[in-house]
Every structure is written in C-alpha cells, then in structure tokens.
Amino acid sequence: MGLTTQQMIKWIQKANETIQENKAYLSDLDQAIGDGDHGFNMARGFEETAKKLSEGSYNEPADVLKDCSMTLISKVGGASGPLYGTAFLKMALALKGKEEIDYRSLSEAITAAADGIKQRGKAAEQEKTMIDVWSPVAYYMETQNEMDTEGFLRTAKQAMDRTKDMKAAKGRASYLRERSIGHLDPGSVSSYYVLSTLAQIIDEEEVSL
C-alpha cells in the first residue's frame, strides 16, 4: 500500500512539530550568515499549514500538498515561502489524480520539487542553498527501485552536512564570501527536517513503497 492522503497530512504535521522544536536553532544558523529569521518564519508558516490541513477535507494526496503550498507562500516570509511553496506545488502537480502514492511516483514528485526550487531560486548545486539537500535526495531516489528509509535519511543528512564547507553564492549569505564557509545553510537544515519527517512517517505507518 502506498502513501495515502491521511499519511501526507501526518507528514506535514510531523514536519511542523520538528520545525517548532528547532525554530530557535534554525534562526541561530541564519543569524550567522543571513537575516536571522529563518526558523521563526518557517515555524509560523508550518504552524499555519498544519492548522489548515487539520481543518480541511481532501480527496487525494495532491490536494494536501497544494493547500500546503498556498499556505506556505502566504505565511512564510523572505525567500523561503516561495521556494517551499514551489516545492510542494510541483509535488502536487506530479501526483495529481493519484489516490495512493507508490515509490516511483514519490521519486518523480521529489525530483519535480527539486527542479522547481532550482527554477524559482535560480540556483544550482554547490551554492549553499536548500537545493543542496533536495537534489541529492532526488538523485538517490532515482537510483533505487523501492524505499530504503535508512539510505534516504543518510543521503539527506550527508547532503545537509556538506553545506557547512560550501561558500555561499546566493542570497544574503553570498555577501560574506569565504566567511560563509564553516556554517550550515539554514535552508538545507530545514529541508532536512521536512524530508526526514517524510521518511519517519513511512516507517511509523509501515508504508510499503
């Protein structure tokens, strides 16, 4: 059985819980190389999203992701709102019409999300942005035939950790040039939280992908 509409809601709710728990840490990371508000912006946006999803009625997983996208765009400040909103919207479009999501469909949706982030942010890998987590995870899934949550989590974690040694080429962090090296990218860390909670839901719900 693939991922259901209710499990997609649980994913976003778990992502919200994780971001709430780590909002101060995310903002501390952003304070070092950015505006210092990434954690609080993400926490506000995901809190509103989780609330909206708990009150809504959805026919299929894509409907959940589309509502998630619209809420994040309207509630998350800075560049993160449009980028995360684009990611979830591209996932929704890739999954439209599917009542349950199998492995290949999920892989295609995450690839669509990564491509959307690249296009919206005009970013490439190795520029110390959230795409440095989304792209490696998308690539990893494309090379597999079924879900291996341990490999998925390991790929996401290693990708996040690699941003520490990158020099920022986008956003406010790029103004610091070499001084941005040695700091984790906040968007990559929040992306890790979002993607890792998806793997957690797959494990907890014993979803077969």
Protein backbone atom coordinates (compact mmCIF):
# COMPACT_ATOMS: atom_id res chain seq x y z
CA MET A 1 0.00 0.00 0.00
CA GLY A 2 1.32 3.44 -0.94
CA LEU A 3 1.17 6.77 0.85
CA THR A 4 -2.39 7.91 1.46
CA THR A 5 -3.97 11.32 1.83
CA GLN A 6 -4.09 10.96 5.63
CA GLN A 7 -0.44 9.97 5.79
CA MET A 8 0.53 13.04 3.78
CA ILE A 9 -1.28 15.16 6.34
CA LYS A 10 0.60 13.34 9.11
CA TRP A 11 3.86 14.11 7.30
CA ILE A 12 3.23 17.85 7.29
CA GLN A 13 2.10 17.75 10.92
CA LYS A 14 5.30 15.93 11.92
CA ALA A 15 7.39 18.37 9.88
CA ASN A 16 5.68 21.20 11.75
CA GLU A 17 6.44 19.60 15.12
CA THR A 18 10.11 19.19 14.20
CA ILE A 19 10.42 22.75 12.94
CA GLN A 20 8.72 24.12 16.08
CA GLU A 21 11.20 22.19 18.23
CA ASN A 22 14.15 23.56 16.25
CA LYS A 23 12.99 27.07 15.31
CA ALA A 24 15.50 28.80 17.59
CA TYR A 25 18.33 26.66 16.22
CA LEU A 26 17.33 27.45 12.63
CA SER A 27 17.26 31.15 13.39
CA ASP A 28 20.65 30.93 15.13
CA LEU A 29 22.07 29.34 11.98
CA ASP A 30 20.52 32.11 9.91
CA GLN A 31 21.84 34.76 12.27
CA ALA A 32 25.37 33.72 11.39
CA ILE A 33 25.01 34.11 7.60
CA GLY A 34 21.58 35.60 6.86
CA ASP A 35 18.72 37.65 8.28
CA GLY A 36 18.34 35.57 11.42
CA ASP A 37 14.65 34.84 10.97
CA HIS A 38 14.53 31.56 9.04
CA GLY A 39 13.45 29.45 12.00
CA PHE A 40 10.70 31.75 13.13
CA ASN A 41 9.42 32.25 9.58
CA MET A 42 9.35 28.51 8.97
CA ALA A 43 7.70 27.86 12.32
CA ARG A 44 4.96 30.38 11.62
CA GLY A 45 4.34 29.02 8.13
CA PHE A 46 4.24 25.36 9.08
CA GLU A 47 2.10 26.02 12.13
CA GLU A 48 -0.48 27.73 9.91
CA THR A 49 -0.19 24.92 7.37
CA ALA A 50 -0.70 22.16 9.94
CA LYS A 51 -3.73 24.02 11.30
CA LYS A 52 -5.20 24.44 7.82
CA LEU A 53 -4.72 20.76 7.00
CA SER A 54 -6.32 19.64 10.27
CA GLU A 55 -9.44 21.62 9.41
CA GLY A 56 -9.63 20.68 5.72
CA SER A 57 -11.14 17.83 3.73
CA TYR A 58 -9.03 16.30 0.97
CA ASN A 59 -9.75 13.73 -1.72
CA GLU A 60 -6.19 12.84 -2.65
CA PRO A 61 -2.57 13.49 -1.56
CA ALA A 62 -2.06 16.16 -4.24
CA ASP A 63 -4.83 18.25 -2.68
CA VAL A 64 -2.97 18.22 0.65
CA LEU A 65 0.27 19.34 -0.98
CA LYS A 66 -1.42 22.09 -2.98
CA ASP A 67 -3.02 23.54 0.16
CA CYS A 68 0.34 23.25 1.91
CA SER A 69 1.96 25.17 -0.94
CA MET A 70 -0.56 28.01 -0.91
CA THR A 71 -0.34 28.44 2.86
CA LEU A 72 3.45 28.46 2.96
CA ILE A 73 3.64 31.03 0.17
CA SER A 74 1.30 33.35 2.05
CA LYS A 75 2.65 32.81 5.57
CA VAL A 76 6.43 32.27 5.34
CA GLY A 77 8.44 35.44 4.95
CA GLY A 78 11.53 36.02 2.85
CA ALA A 79 12.67 33.74 0.05
CA SER A 80 11.72 30.55 1.89
CA GLY A 81 7.96 30.92 1.38
CA PRO A 82 8.04 30.98 -2.42
CA LEU A 83 10.72 28.27 -2.54
CA TYR A 84 8.97 25.83 -0.23
CA GLY A 85 5.63 26.75 -1.77
CA THR A 86 7.02 25.94 -5.22
CA ALA A 87 8.42 22.62 -3.98
CA PHE A 88 5.07 21.47 -2.62
CA LEU A 89 3.16 22.79 -5.63
CA LYS A 90 5.41 20.87 -8.04
CA MET A 91 4.91 17.75 -5.94
CA ALA A 92 1.15 18.27 -6.05
CA LEU A 93 1.19 18.62 -9.83
CA ALA A 94 3.30 15.47 -10.22
CA LEU A 95 0.91 13.46 -8.03
CA LYS A 96 -2.40 14.82 -9.29
CA GLY A 97 -5.06 12.14 -9.75
CA LYS A 98 -3.32 9.51 -7.61
CA GLU A 99 -5.24 8.22 -4.59
CA GLU A 100 -2.15 6.45 -3.26
CA ILE A 101 1.50 7.23 -3.96
CA ASP A 102 3.89 4.44 -4.91
CA TYR A 103 7.68 4.67 -4.85
CA ARG A 104 8.17 5.78 -8.43
CA SER A 105 5.51 8.48 -8.11
CA LEU A 106 7.10 9.78 -4.90
CA SER A 107 10.52 9.82 -6.57
CA GLU A 108 9.14 11.77 -9.52
CA ALA A 109 7.42 14.23 -7.17
CA ILE A 110 10.62 14.94 -5.21
CA THR A 111 12.52 15.41 -8.46
CA ALA A 112 9.82 17.85 -9.60
CA ALA A 113 10.16 19.70 -6.30
CA ALA A 114 13.94 19.95 -6.69
CA ASP A 115 13.59 21.21 -10.25
CA GLY A 116 11.03 23.76 -9.12
CA ILE A 117 13.31 25.08 -6.38
CA LYS A 118 16.16 25.42 -8.89
CA GLN A 119 14.00 27.35 -11.32
CA ARG A 120 12.35 29.59 -8.73
CA GLY A 121 15.57 30.34 -6.88
CA LYS A 122 17.77 30.40 -9.99
CA ALA A 123 20.10 28.18 -8.02
CA ALA A 124 22.41 25.27 -8.77
CA GLU A 125 24.03 22.64 -6.57
CA GLN A 126 27.08 23.65 -4.54
CA GLU A 127 25.82 27.21 -3.96
CA LYS A 128 24.94 26.60 -0.30
CA THR A 129 21.14 26.64 -0.59
CA MET A 130 18.28 24.26 0.15
CA ILE A 131 18.71 22.67 -3.28
CA ASP A 132 21.90 21.09 -1.92
CA VAL A 133 19.64 18.75 0.06
CA TRP A 134 16.71 18.34 -2.32
CA SER A 135 18.82 17.45 -5.37
CA PRO A 136 20.92 14.68 -3.78
CA VAL A 137 17.77 13.12 -2.28
CA ALA A 138 16.06 13.27 -5.69
CA TYR A 139 19.11 11.71 -7.36
CA TYR A 140 19.28 8.99 -4.72
CA MET A 141 15.62 8.05 -5.16
CA GLU A 142 16.04 7.87 -8.93
CA THR A 143 18.74 5.21 -8.49
CA GLN A 144 16.58 2.98 -6.25
CA ASN A 145 13.61 0.75 -7.01
CA GLU A 146 11.98 0.84 -3.60
CA MET A 147 12.03 2.94 -0.45
CA ASP A 148 15.01 2.47 1.84
CA THR A 149 14.39 4.97 4.60
CA GLU A 150 17.85 4.47 6.11
CA GLY A 151 19.53 5.30 2.80
CA PHE A 152 17.12 8.18 2.24
CA LEU A 153 17.87 9.68 5.67
CA ARG A 154 21.61 9.13 5.31
CA THR A 155 21.63 10.85 1.92
CA ALA A 156 19.67 13.85 3.26
CA LYS A 157 21.84 14.15 6.38
CA GLN A 158 25.12 13.94 4.49
CA ALA A 159 23.88 16.48 1.96
CA MET A 160 22.92 18.89 4.74
CA ASP A 161 26.28 18.45 6.47
CA ARG A 162 28.18 19.17 3.24
CA THR A 163 26.77 22.69 3.09
CA LYS A 164 28.99 23.64 6.02
CA ASP A 165 32.08 23.61 3.80
CA MET A 166 30.47 25.44 0.87
CA LYS A 167 30.89 29.10 0.01
CA ALA A 168 27.52 30.78 -0.40
CA ALA A 169 26.72 32.03 -3.89
CA LYS A 170 23.08 33.06 -3.36
CA GLY A 171 21.15 35.34 -1.05
CA ARG A 172 22.44 37.43 1.82
CA ALA A 173 24.97 34.76 2.77
CA SER A 174 26.77 35.34 -0.53
CA TYR A 175 27.82 38.79 0.69
CA LEU A 176 30.03 37.09 3.28
CA ARG A 177 32.01 35.25 0.59
CA GLU A 178 34.61 33.00 2.29
CA ARG A 179 33.23 33.89 5.72
CA SER A 180 30.12 31.88 4.89
CA ILE A 181 32.27 28.74 4.93
CA GLY A 182 32.02 26.85 8.21
CA HIS A 183 28.29 27.42 8.72
CA LEU A 184 25.45 25.09 7.83
CA ASP A 185 22.94 26.54 5.39
CA PRO A 186 19.67 27.16 7.31
CA GLY A 187 17.50 26.27 4.31
CA SER A 188 19.31 22.99 3.92
CA VAL A 189 18.75 22.18 7.58
CA SER A 190 15.01 22.94 7.39
CA SER A 191 14.87 20.90 4.16
CA TYR A 192 16.46 18.01 6.03
CA TYR A 193 13.75 18.30 8.69
CA VAL A 194 11.00 18.28 6.06
CA LEU A 195 12.39 15.31 4.14
CA SER A 196 13.45 13.31 7.20
CA THR A 197 9.95 13.52 8.67
CA LEU A 198 8.60 12.04 5.44
CA ALA A 199 10.85 9.02 5.99
CA GLN A 200 9.73 8.83 9.62
CA ILE A 201 6.07 8.72 8.61
CA ILE A 202 6.80 5.97 6.07
CA ASP A 203 8.43 3.94 8.85
CA GLU A 204 5.85 4.68 11.55
CA GLU A 205 2.91 3.97 9.29
CA GLU A 206 4.65 0.89 7.86
CA VAL A 207 4.04 2.11 4.34
CA SER A 208 5.21 -0.31 1.66
CA LEU A 209 6.93 1.59 -1.15
